[in-house]
Amino acid sequence: MSNRKPLVVVSGASRQIADADALAVNGGLDRTTAGALLIGATTATSVQVGNTATPTTVPGNLTVTGSLTAQGSNTLALVQALQTNTFLP
């Protein structure tokens, strides 16, 4: 994205960004009013955050309303065992 141009959207309107482009945000992504920040809530088939070389931090409670699949190194089983006091031999 060498030719960066500001994205200005009038309230209530939307603008599509071409597949080959990316939305660069410096400093954060937030709402102007209180409420859920919806990312990919309408037509996305998946949402990818970060990359394999960058740790992803969730600074607060994490609620999963569907199924959870953990891949790679994780501590989910240990945390569950500690909370329920059920350890496998």
N, C-alpha and C. Protein backbone atom coordinates (compact mmCIF):
# COMPACT_ATOMS: atom_id res chain seq x y z
N MET A 1 0.82 -1.18 0.00
CA MET A 1 0.00 0.00 0.00
C MET A 1 0.87 1.25 0.00
N SER A 2 1.59 1.47 -1.04
CA SER A 2 2.45 2.64 -1.11
C SER A 2 1.65 3.92 -1.35
N ASN A 3 0.54 3.85 -2.02
CA ASN A 3 -0.32 5.01 -2.26
C ASN A 3 -1.43 5.03 -1.23
N ARG A 4 -1.13 5.45 -0.03
CA ARG A 4 -2.12 5.46 1.03
C ARG A 4 -3.02 6.67 0.92
N LYS A 5 -4.30 6.45 1.06
CA LYS A 5 -5.28 7.52 1.01
C LYS A 5 -6.18 7.37 2.23
N PRO A 6 -6.65 8.45 2.79
CA PRO A 6 -7.53 8.33 3.95
C PRO A 6 -8.86 7.70 3.56
N LEU A 7 -9.38 6.89 4.46
CA LEU A 7 -10.70 6.28 4.27
C LEU A 7 -11.70 7.09 5.08
N VAL A 8 -12.58 7.78 4.39
CA VAL A 8 -13.59 8.60 5.04
C VAL A 8 -14.95 8.00 4.71
N VAL A 9 -15.69 7.67 5.76
CA VAL A 9 -17.00 7.06 5.57
C VAL A 9 -18.03 7.92 6.27
N VAL A 10 -19.07 8.28 5.55
CA VAL A 10 -20.16 9.05 6.12
C VAL A 10 -20.98 8.13 7.02
N SER A 11 -21.48 8.64 8.10
CA SER A 11 -22.26 7.84 9.04
C SER A 11 -23.38 7.09 8.32
N GLY A 12 -23.46 5.80 8.59
CA GLY A 12 -24.50 4.97 7.98
C GLY A 12 -24.12 4.40 6.63
N ALA A 13 -23.00 4.83 6.07
CA ALA A 13 -22.55 4.33 4.77
C ALA A 13 -21.43 3.33 4.98
N SER A 14 -21.16 2.55 3.96
CA SER A 14 -20.03 1.61 4.04
C SER A 14 -19.23 1.69 2.75
N ARG A 15 -17.98 1.27 2.84
CA ARG A 15 -17.11 1.28 1.66
C ARG A 15 -16.31 -0.01 1.65
N GLN A 16 -16.30 -0.67 0.53
CA GLN A 16 -15.55 -1.92 0.42
C GLN A 16 -14.10 -1.62 0.09
N ILE A 17 -13.22 -2.46 0.63
CA ILE A 17 -11.80 -2.38 0.34
C ILE A 17 -11.47 -3.59 -0.51
N ALA A 18 -10.80 -3.38 -1.62
CA ALA A 18 -10.50 -4.48 -2.54
C ALA A 18 -9.69 -5.57 -1.85
N ASP A 19 -9.84 -6.82 -2.33
CA ASP A 19 -9.16 -7.97 -1.73
C ASP A 19 -7.65 -7.79 -1.68
N ALA A 20 -7.07 -7.11 -2.64
CA ALA A 20 -5.62 -6.94 -2.70
C ALA A 20 -5.13 -5.84 -1.75
N ASP A 21 -6.04 -5.09 -1.17
CA ASP A 21 -5.67 -3.99 -0.28
C ASP A 21 -5.82 -4.41 1.18
N ALA A 22 -5.27 -3.60 2.06
CA ALA A 22 -5.39 -3.83 3.49
C ALA A 22 -5.75 -2.51 4.15
N LEU A 23 -6.43 -2.59 5.26
CA LEU A 23 -6.76 -1.40 6.03
C LEU A 23 -5.69 -1.25 7.11
N ALA A 24 -4.84 -0.24 6.98
CA ALA A 24 -3.77 0.00 7.94
C ALA A 24 -4.29 0.95 9.02
N VAL A 25 -4.20 0.53 10.26
CA VAL A 25 -4.67 1.33 11.38
C VAL A 25 -3.52 1.52 12.34
N ASN A 26 -3.16 2.75 12.61
CA ASN A 26 -2.10 3.03 13.57
C ASN A 26 -2.71 3.46 14.89
N GLY A 27 -2.49 2.67 15.92
CA GLY A 27 -2.94 3.07 17.25
C GLY A 27 -4.13 2.30 17.78
N GLY A 28 -4.92 1.68 16.95
CA GLY A 28 -6.03 0.91 17.48
C GLY A 28 -7.27 0.99 16.62
N LEU A 29 -8.21 0.16 16.96
CA LEU A 29 -9.48 0.09 16.25
C LEU A 29 -10.56 0.06 17.32
N ASP A 30 -11.49 0.97 17.26
CA ASP A 30 -12.48 1.08 18.32
C ASP A 30 -13.79 1.61 17.77
N ARG A 31 -14.80 1.64 18.61
CA ARG A 31 -16.10 2.23 18.27
C ARG A 31 -16.17 3.64 18.84
N THR A 32 -17.05 4.46 18.30
CA THR A 32 -17.24 5.79 18.84
C THR A 32 -18.28 5.79 19.96
N THR A 33 -19.06 4.72 20.06
CA THR A 33 -20.04 4.57 21.14
C THR A 33 -19.84 3.20 21.78
N ALA A 34 -20.35 3.03 22.99
CA ALA A 34 -20.22 1.75 23.69
C ALA A 34 -20.99 0.67 22.95
N GLY A 35 -20.42 -0.51 22.87
CA GLY A 35 -21.07 -1.64 22.20
C GLY A 35 -20.03 -2.60 21.66
N ALA A 36 -20.48 -3.70 21.13
CA ALA A 36 -19.57 -4.72 20.60
C ALA A 36 -18.92 -4.24 19.31
N LEU A 37 -17.63 -4.51 19.15
CA LEU A 37 -16.92 -4.24 17.91
C LEU A 37 -17.05 -5.50 17.06
N LEU A 38 -17.82 -5.42 15.99
CA LEU A 38 -18.09 -6.58 15.15
C LEU A 38 -17.11 -6.62 14.00
N ILE A 39 -16.39 -7.71 13.89
CA ILE A 39 -15.43 -7.91 12.80
C ILE A 39 -15.82 -9.17 12.06
N GLY A 40 -16.16 -9.05 10.82
CA GLY A 40 -16.54 -10.22 10.03
C GLY A 40 -17.87 -10.84 10.45
N ALA A 41 -18.75 -10.05 11.03
CA ALA A 41 -19.99 -10.58 11.59
C ALA A 41 -21.05 -10.93 10.55
N THR A 42 -20.90 -10.46 9.32
CA THR A 42 -21.95 -10.68 8.33
C THR A 42 -21.60 -11.75 7.32
N THR A 43 -20.49 -11.63 6.62
CA THR A 43 -20.21 -12.56 5.53
C THR A 43 -18.88 -13.30 5.65
N ALA A 44 -18.05 -12.97 6.61
CA ALA A 44 -16.74 -13.64 6.73
C ALA A 44 -16.93 -15.11 7.10
N THR A 45 -16.11 -15.96 6.53
CA THR A 45 -16.15 -17.39 6.87
C THR A 45 -15.12 -17.73 7.93
N SER A 46 -14.17 -16.84 8.19
CA SER A 46 -13.22 -16.99 9.29
C SER A 46 -12.59 -15.63 9.56
N VAL A 47 -11.97 -15.49 10.72
CA VAL A 47 -11.28 -14.26 11.09
C VAL A 47 -9.91 -14.66 11.58
N GLN A 48 -8.87 -14.08 10.99
CA GLN A 48 -7.50 -14.38 11.39
C GLN A 48 -6.93 -13.16 12.09
N VAL A 49 -6.31 -13.39 13.23
CA VAL A 49 -5.71 -12.31 14.00
C VAL A 49 -4.23 -12.61 14.16
N GLY A 50 -3.37 -11.70 13.73
CA GLY A 50 -1.93 -11.87 13.90
C GLY A 50 -1.33 -12.90 12.98
N ASN A 51 -0.18 -13.40 13.38
CA ASN A 51 0.51 -14.44 12.61
C ASN A 51 1.22 -15.38 13.57
N THR A 52 1.80 -16.44 13.07
CA THR A 52 2.40 -17.46 13.93
C THR A 52 3.61 -16.96 14.70
N ALA A 53 4.27 -15.91 14.25
CA ALA A 53 5.46 -15.40 14.92
C ALA A 53 5.14 -14.35 15.99
N THR A 54 3.88 -13.93 16.08
CA THR A 54 3.50 -12.88 17.00
C THR A 54 2.53 -13.40 18.05
N PRO A 55 2.86 -13.31 19.34
CA PRO A 55 1.91 -13.74 20.38
C PRO A 55 0.65 -12.89 20.32
N THR A 56 -0.49 -13.50 20.58
CA THR A 56 -1.76 -12.79 20.62
C THR A 56 -2.23 -12.74 22.06
N THR A 57 -2.50 -11.56 22.55
CA THR A 57 -2.87 -11.36 23.95
C THR A 57 -4.33 -10.93 24.05
N VAL A 58 -5.06 -11.55 24.94
CA VAL A 58 -6.43 -11.13 25.24
C VAL A 58 -6.41 -10.63 26.68
N PRO A 59 -6.39 -9.29 26.87
CA PRO A 59 -6.28 -8.75 28.22
C PRO A 59 -7.62 -8.67 28.94
N GLY A 60 -8.18 -9.77 29.23
CA GLY A 60 -9.47 -9.81 29.92
C GLY A 60 -10.08 -11.19 29.74
N ASN A 61 -11.30 -11.32 30.12
CA ASN A 61 -11.99 -12.61 29.98
C ASN A 61 -12.22 -12.91 28.51
N LEU A 62 -12.15 -14.18 28.16
CA LEU A 62 -12.39 -14.63 26.79
C LEU A 62 -13.58 -15.58 26.82
N THR A 63 -14.60 -15.24 26.08
CA THR A 63 -15.78 -16.08 25.99
C THR A 63 -15.85 -16.70 24.61
N VAL A 64 -15.97 -18.02 24.56
CA VAL A 64 -16.12 -18.74 23.31
C VAL A 64 -17.54 -19.27 23.28
N THR A 65 -18.34 -18.82 22.31
CA THR A 65 -19.74 -19.24 22.25
C THR A 65 -19.93 -20.43 21.32
N GLY A 66 -18.89 -20.82 20.61
CA GLY A 66 -18.93 -22.01 19.75
C GLY A 66 -17.90 -23.00 20.24
N SER A 67 -17.41 -23.84 19.36
CA SER A 67 -16.40 -24.80 19.76
C SER A 67 -15.01 -24.16 19.70
N LEU A 68 -14.09 -24.70 20.47
CA LEU A 68 -12.73 -24.19 20.54
C LEU A 68 -11.77 -25.28 20.13
N THR A 69 -10.93 -25.00 19.14
CA THR A 69 -9.91 -25.93 18.69
C THR A 69 -8.56 -25.30 18.95
N ALA A 70 -7.74 -25.96 19.76
CA ALA A 70 -6.40 -25.44 20.06
C ALA A 70 -5.38 -26.23 19.27
N GLN A 71 -4.50 -25.53 18.60
CA GLN A 71 -3.44 -26.17 17.82
C GLN A 71 -2.10 -25.66 18.32
N GLY A 72 -1.08 -26.50 18.24
CA GLY A 72 0.24 -26.09 18.68
C GLY A 72 0.36 -26.15 20.19
N SER A 73 1.33 -25.42 20.71
CA SER A 73 1.59 -25.41 22.14
C SER A 73 0.50 -24.62 22.86
N ASN A 74 -0.12 -25.25 23.86
CA ASN A 74 -1.15 -24.54 24.61
C ASN A 74 -1.20 -25.07 26.03
N THR A 75 -1.84 -24.34 26.91
CA THR A 75 -1.97 -24.72 28.31
C THR A 75 -3.42 -24.90 28.71
N LEU A 76 -4.32 -25.04 27.74
CA LEU A 76 -5.74 -25.14 28.07
C LEU A 76 -6.04 -26.36 28.92
N ALA A 77 -5.46 -27.51 28.62
CA ALA A 77 -5.73 -28.73 29.38
C ALA A 77 -5.26 -28.57 30.81
N LEU A 78 -4.11 -27.97 31.04
CA LEU A 78 -3.59 -27.77 32.39
C LEU A 78 -4.48 -26.83 33.18
N VAL A 79 -4.92 -25.76 32.57
CA VAL A 79 -5.80 -24.81 33.25
C VAL A 79 -7.10 -25.50 33.65
N GLN A 80 -7.69 -26.28 32.75
CA GLN A 80 -8.92 -26.99 33.07
C GLN A 80 -8.69 -27.99 34.20
N ALA A 81 -7.58 -28.70 34.16
CA ALA A 81 -7.27 -29.66 35.22
C ALA A 81 -7.11 -28.97 36.57
N LEU A 82 -6.46 -27.83 36.59
CA LEU A 82 -6.28 -27.09 37.84
C LEU A 82 -7.62 -26.59 38.38
N GLN A 83 -8.50 -26.15 37.49
CA GLN A 83 -9.79 -25.61 37.94
C GLN A 83 -10.72 -26.70 38.45
N THR A 84 -10.64 -27.89 37.86
CA THR A 84 -11.56 -28.96 38.24
C THR A 84 -10.91 -30.02 39.12
N ASN A 85 -9.59 -29.88 39.36
CA ASN A 85 -8.83 -30.83 40.16
C ASN A 85 -8.91 -32.24 39.58
N THR A 86 -8.91 -32.34 38.25
CA THR A 86 -8.95 -33.65 37.59
C THR A 86 -7.71 -33.79 36.72
N PHE A 87 -6.76 -34.57 37.18
CA PHE A 87 -5.50 -34.77 36.46
C PHE A 87 -5.46 -36.18 35.90
N LEU A 88 -5.02 -36.31 34.68
CA LEU A 88 -4.87 -37.63 34.06
C LEU A 88 -3.58 -38.26 34.58
N PRO A 89 -3.56 -39.62 34.74
CA PRO A 89 -2.35 -40.28 35.24
C PRO A 89 -1.20 -40.17 34.27
